[in-house]
Amino acid sequence: MTDYQPKYEWRRTELDENDPPTDLDWIGMDGVLPIGRIRKETAGPTKGKWHWAGWYPKTHMGSPPTPNAGYEATARMATQKVEDFWELSQRVMAPRQRDASP
């Protein structure tokens, strides 16, 4: 079995200048649009698992699909969950109409 290959760009999350990015926290990007975030849990009952949270496109409207978050054993599996959620959101939600005025 081949590991999942991400379709989108993934960047280390940078919260601010006092919190440098690490390999444990990533944001996925579709061009300039953020698609979701994954981060490795380092403590508690989910220690060692990767939390994923999918974000729906702000360019669309309607009810986003669920679930939009969960836990996976690996970063690749969490990445796939976010990317699948993003693509499903684009299919089931309607694009917002752009203002046609000049």
N, C-alpha and C. Protein backbone atom coordinates (compact mmCIF):
# COMPACT_ATOMS: atom_id res chain seq x y z
N MET A 1 0.83 -1.18 0.00
CA MET A 1 0.00 0.00 0.00
C MET A 1 0.88 1.25 0.00
N THR A 2 0.53 2.20 -0.83
CA THR A 2 1.29 3.44 -0.94
C THR A 2 0.73 4.49 0.01
N ASP A 3 1.64 5.25 0.64
CA ASP A 3 1.20 6.35 1.50
C ASP A 3 0.46 7.39 0.67
N TYR A 4 -0.52 8.00 1.30
CA TYR A 4 -1.27 9.09 0.67
C TYR A 4 -0.31 10.22 0.31
N GLN A 5 -0.47 10.76 -0.88
CA GLN A 5 0.34 11.90 -1.32
C GLN A 5 -0.53 13.16 -1.30
N PRO A 6 -0.19 14.15 -0.49
CA PRO A 6 -1.00 15.37 -0.40
C PRO A 6 -1.16 16.05 -1.76
N LYS A 7 -2.35 16.62 -1.96
CA LYS A 7 -2.68 17.33 -3.20
C LYS A 7 -2.45 18.83 -3.08
N TYR A 8 -2.44 19.32 -1.85
CA TYR A 8 -2.36 20.75 -1.61
C TYR A 8 -1.05 21.09 -0.90
N GLU A 9 -0.76 22.38 -0.80
CA GLU A 9 0.45 22.83 -0.12
C GLU A 9 0.21 22.85 1.39
N TRP A 10 1.17 22.36 2.14
CA TRP A 10 1.09 22.36 3.60
C TRP A 10 2.25 23.16 4.16
N ARG A 11 1.92 24.09 5.08
CA ARG A 11 2.91 24.97 5.71
C ARG A 11 2.85 24.79 7.21
N ARG A 12 4.00 24.95 7.84
CA ARG A 12 4.01 24.93 9.31
C ARG A 12 3.19 26.12 9.82
N THR A 13 2.39 25.87 10.83
CA THR A 13 1.56 26.93 11.41
C THR A 13 2.44 27.92 12.17
N GLU A 14 2.25 29.20 11.86
CA GLU A 14 2.97 30.26 12.57
C GLU A 14 1.92 31.16 13.21
N LEU A 15 1.78 31.01 14.53
CA LEU A 15 0.77 31.78 15.24
C LEU A 15 1.19 33.24 15.41
N ASP A 16 2.42 33.45 15.84
CA ASP A 16 2.97 34.80 15.96
C ASP A 16 4.49 34.70 16.10
N GLU A 17 5.15 35.85 16.22
CA GLU A 17 6.61 35.86 16.27
C GLU A 17 7.16 35.21 17.54
N ASN A 18 6.34 35.06 18.58
CA ASN A 18 6.77 34.43 19.83
C ASN A 18 6.58 32.92 19.83
N ASP A 19 5.95 32.39 18.80
CA ASP A 19 5.64 30.96 18.75
C ASP A 19 6.14 30.40 17.40
N PRO A 20 7.43 30.06 17.33
CA PRO A 20 7.97 29.61 16.04
C PRO A 20 7.31 28.32 15.56
N PRO A 21 7.20 28.16 14.23
CA PRO A 21 6.57 26.97 13.66
C PRO A 21 7.36 25.70 14.01
N THR A 22 6.63 24.58 14.12
CA THR A 22 7.26 23.28 14.39
C THR A 22 6.72 22.26 13.39
N ASP A 23 7.28 21.06 13.45
CA ASP A 23 6.80 19.97 12.59
C ASP A 23 5.55 19.31 13.15
N LEU A 24 5.00 19.83 14.23
CA LEU A 24 3.83 19.22 14.87
C LEU A 24 2.53 19.95 14.56
N ASP A 25 2.57 21.01 13.75
CA ASP A 25 1.38 21.83 13.52
C ASP A 25 1.45 22.40 12.10
N TRP A 26 0.45 22.06 11.26
CA TRP A 26 0.47 22.41 9.84
C TRP A 26 -0.87 22.97 9.39
N ILE A 27 -0.84 23.90 8.43
CA ILE A 27 -2.04 24.42 7.78
C ILE A 27 -1.95 24.10 6.29
N GLY A 28 -3.04 23.57 5.75
CA GLY A 28 -3.11 23.27 4.32
C GLY A 28 -3.65 24.46 3.56
N MET A 29 -3.13 24.65 2.34
CA MET A 29 -3.53 25.79 1.52
C MET A 29 -3.90 25.33 0.11
N ASP A 30 -5.00 25.91 -0.40
CA ASP A 30 -5.40 25.75 -1.80
C ASP A 30 -5.21 27.13 -2.41
N GLY A 31 -4.02 27.39 -2.93
CA GLY A 31 -3.70 28.74 -3.37
C GLY A 31 -3.59 29.64 -2.16
N VAL A 32 -4.47 30.67 -2.09
CA VAL A 32 -4.47 31.57 -0.94
C VAL A 32 -5.52 31.19 0.10
N LEU A 33 -6.31 30.16 -0.19
CA LEU A 33 -7.38 29.76 0.73
C LEU A 33 -6.91 28.66 1.68
N PRO A 34 -7.05 28.88 3.00
CA PRO A 34 -6.71 27.83 3.95
C PRO A 34 -7.77 26.73 3.92
N ILE A 35 -7.33 25.47 3.93
CA ILE A 35 -8.28 24.35 3.84
C ILE A 35 -8.45 23.60 5.15
N GLY A 36 -7.53 23.79 6.09
CA GLY A 36 -7.64 23.10 7.37
C GLY A 36 -6.29 23.01 8.06
N ARG A 37 -6.32 22.34 9.19
CA ARG A 37 -5.12 22.28 10.03
C ARG A 37 -4.98 20.89 10.62
N ILE A 38 -3.73 20.45 10.77
CA ILE A 38 -3.44 19.23 11.51
C ILE A 38 -2.40 19.56 12.57
N ARG A 39 -2.48 18.88 13.69
CA ARG A 39 -1.46 19.06 14.73
C ARG A 39 -1.36 17.80 15.56
N LYS A 40 -0.17 17.50 16.00
CA LYS A 40 0.06 16.31 16.81
C LYS A 40 -0.19 16.63 18.27
N GLU A 41 -0.99 15.79 18.90
CA GLU A 41 -1.26 15.94 20.33
C GLU A 41 -0.05 15.43 21.11
N THR A 42 0.43 16.21 22.06
CA THR A 42 1.63 15.84 22.80
C THR A 42 1.35 15.45 24.25
N ALA A 43 0.10 15.51 24.67
CA ALA A 43 -0.25 15.17 26.05
C ALA A 43 -1.71 14.72 26.11
N GLY A 44 -2.08 14.17 27.24
CA GLY A 44 -3.47 13.79 27.47
C GLY A 44 -3.86 12.47 26.82
N PRO A 45 -5.15 12.17 26.83
CA PRO A 45 -5.62 10.87 26.33
C PRO A 45 -5.43 10.66 24.83
N THR A 46 -5.23 11.74 24.09
CA THR A 46 -5.01 11.60 22.63
C THR A 46 -3.53 11.78 22.27
N LYS A 47 -2.65 11.70 23.25
CA LYS A 47 -1.22 11.87 23.02
C LYS A 47 -0.75 10.96 21.88
N GLY A 48 0.01 11.55 20.95
CA GLY A 48 0.56 10.79 19.84
C GLY A 48 -0.32 10.76 18.61
N LYS A 49 -1.59 11.14 18.76
CA LYS A 49 -2.49 11.16 17.60
C LYS A 49 -2.44 12.54 16.93
N TRP A 50 -2.87 12.56 15.69
CA TRP A 50 -2.93 13.80 14.92
C TRP A 50 -4.37 14.29 14.85
N HIS A 51 -4.60 15.49 15.36
CA HIS A 51 -5.92 16.11 15.30
C HIS A 51 -6.04 16.82 13.95
N TRP A 52 -7.15 16.60 13.28
CA TRP A 52 -7.38 17.29 12.00
C TRP A 52 -8.66 18.11 12.11
N ALA A 53 -8.67 19.24 11.45
CA ALA A 53 -9.85 20.10 11.39
C ALA A 53 -9.96 20.65 9.98
N GLY A 54 -11.04 20.31 9.30
CA GLY A 54 -11.27 20.79 7.94
C GLY A 54 -12.04 22.09 7.95
N TRP A 55 -11.68 22.97 7.06
CA TRP A 55 -12.35 24.27 6.93
C TRP A 55 -13.07 24.30 5.60
N TYR A 56 -14.26 24.85 5.58
CA TYR A 56 -15.01 24.93 4.32
C TYR A 56 -14.64 26.22 3.59
N PRO A 57 -14.79 26.22 2.26
CA PRO A 57 -14.41 27.41 1.49
C PRO A 57 -15.34 28.58 1.75
N LYS A 58 -14.78 29.72 2.08
CA LYS A 58 -15.59 30.94 2.30
C LYS A 58 -16.17 31.44 0.99
N THR A 59 -15.71 30.89 -0.12
CA THR A 59 -16.24 31.24 -1.44
C THR A 59 -17.53 30.50 -1.74
N HIS A 60 -17.97 29.64 -0.80
CA HIS A 60 -19.19 28.84 -0.97
C HIS A 60 -20.16 29.14 0.17
N MET A 61 -21.41 28.76 -0.02
CA MET A 61 -22.41 28.96 1.03
C MET A 61 -23.24 27.68 1.17
N GLY A 62 -23.95 27.59 2.28
CA GLY A 62 -24.75 26.41 2.56
C GLY A 62 -24.17 25.64 3.73
N SER A 63 -24.72 24.48 3.97
CA SER A 63 -24.29 23.67 5.11
C SER A 63 -23.06 22.84 4.74
N PRO A 64 -21.96 23.02 5.48
CA PRO A 64 -20.79 22.20 5.21
C PRO A 64 -21.04 20.77 5.69
N PRO A 65 -20.32 19.81 5.12
CA PRO A 65 -20.49 18.42 5.54
C PRO A 65 -19.92 18.20 6.94
N THR A 66 -20.30 17.09 7.53
CA THR A 66 -19.75 16.70 8.84
C THR A 66 -19.30 15.26 8.75
N PRO A 67 -18.37 14.82 9.56
CA PRO A 67 -17.65 15.62 10.56
C PRO A 67 -16.58 16.47 9.89
N ASN A 68 -16.19 17.52 10.59
CA ASN A 68 -15.14 18.37 10.06
C ASN A 68 -13.87 18.32 10.92
N ALA A 69 -13.83 17.38 11.86
CA ALA A 69 -12.65 17.24 12.72
C ALA A 69 -12.60 15.83 13.29
N GLY A 70 -11.40 15.43 13.69
CA GLY A 70 -11.23 14.12 14.30
C GLY A 70 -9.76 13.85 14.59
N TYR A 71 -9.45 12.59 14.87
CA TYR A 71 -8.08 12.18 15.18
C TYR A 71 -7.68 11.02 14.28
N GLU A 72 -6.42 11.02 13.89
CA GLU A 72 -5.86 9.94 13.07
C GLU A 72 -4.51 9.54 13.65
N ALA A 73 -4.05 8.35 13.28
CA ALA A 73 -2.79 7.82 13.80
C ALA A 73 -1.56 8.49 13.20
N THR A 74 -1.68 8.98 11.97
CA THR A 74 -0.51 9.58 11.30
C THR A 74 -0.86 10.94 10.70
N ALA A 75 0.20 11.72 10.45
CA ALA A 75 0.01 13.03 9.81
C ALA A 75 -0.56 12.86 8.41
N ARG A 76 -0.12 11.85 7.68
CA ARG A 76 -0.63 11.62 6.32
C ARG A 76 -2.12 11.33 6.33
N MET A 77 -2.56 10.51 7.27
CA MET A 77 -3.99 10.19 7.35
C MET A 77 -4.80 11.43 7.71
N ALA A 78 -4.27 12.26 8.61
CA ALA A 78 -4.95 13.50 8.99
C ALA A 78 -4.99 14.47 7.82
N THR A 79 -3.90 14.54 7.07
CA THR A 79 -3.84 15.38 5.87
C THR A 79 -4.92 14.96 4.88
N GLN A 80 -5.04 13.67 4.67
CA GLN A 80 -6.05 13.16 3.73
C GLN A 80 -7.45 13.52 4.19
N LYS A 81 -7.72 13.43 5.48
CA LYS A 81 -9.05 13.79 6.00
C LYS A 81 -9.37 15.26 5.71
N VAL A 82 -8.40 16.15 5.93
CA VAL A 82 -8.61 17.57 5.67
C VAL A 82 -8.85 17.80 4.18
N GLU A 83 -8.02 17.20 3.34
CA GLU A 83 -8.15 17.41 1.90
C GLU A 83 -9.46 16.82 1.37
N ASP A 84 -9.85 15.66 1.87
CA ASP A 84 -11.14 15.08 1.46
C ASP A 84 -12.30 15.96 1.89
N PHE A 85 -12.23 16.52 3.11
CA PHE A 85 -13.28 17.41 3.60
C PHE A 85 -13.37 18.65 2.71
N TRP A 86 -12.24 19.23 2.36
CA TRP A 86 -12.21 20.42 1.50
C TRP A 86 -12.89 20.14 0.17
N GLU A 87 -12.53 19.05 -0.46
CA GLU A 87 -13.09 18.72 -1.77
C GLU A 87 -14.58 18.39 -1.68
N LEU A 88 -14.99 17.69 -0.61
CA LEU A 88 -16.40 17.39 -0.42
C LEU A 88 -17.19 18.69 -0.19
N SER A 89 -16.64 19.61 0.58
CA SER A 89 -17.30 20.90 0.82
C SER A 89 -17.56 21.63 -0.49
N GLN A 90 -16.59 21.61 -1.38
CA GLN A 90 -16.75 22.29 -2.66
C GLN A 90 -17.82 21.63 -3.52
N ARG A 91 -18.00 20.32 -3.35
CA ARG A 91 -19.02 19.62 -4.14
C ARG A 91 -20.43 19.83 -3.59
N VAL A 92 -20.59 19.85 -2.28
CA VAL A 92 -21.94 19.90 -1.70
C VAL A 92 -22.43 21.31 -1.36
N MET A 93 -21.52 22.27 -1.30
CA MET A 93 -21.90 23.65 -1.02
C MET A 93 -21.96 24.44 -2.33
N ALA A 94 -22.80 25.45 -2.37
CA ALA A 94 -22.99 26.24 -3.59
C ALA A 94 -22.01 27.41 -3.62
N PRO A 95 -21.40 27.67 -4.78
CA PRO A 95 -20.53 28.85 -4.89
C PRO A 95 -21.33 30.13 -4.65
N ARG A 96 -20.71 31.07 -3.95
CA ARG A 96 -21.35 32.38 -3.75
C ARG A 96 -21.38 33.12 -5.08
N GLN A 97 -22.46 33.84 -5.31
CA GLN A 97 -22.58 34.64 -6.53
C GLN A 97 -21.76 35.91 -6.35
N ARG A 98 -20.95 36.22 -7.33
CA ARG A 98 -20.18 37.46 -7.28
C ARG A 98 -21.06 38.61 -7.72
N ASP A 99 -20.80 39.76 -7.16
CA ASP A 99 -21.55 40.96 -7.54
C ASP A 99 -21.22 41.31 -8.99
N ALA A 100 -22.23 41.39 -9.83
CA ALA A 100 -22.04 41.65 -11.26
C ALA A 100 -21.95 43.13 -11.59
N SER A 101 -22.12 44.01 -10.61
CA SER A 101 -22.08 45.45 -10.91
C SER A 101 -20.66 45.88 -11.22
N PRO A 102 -20.53 46.93 -12.09
CA PRO A 102 -19.19 47.38 -12.52
C PRO A 102 -18.37 48.02 -11.43
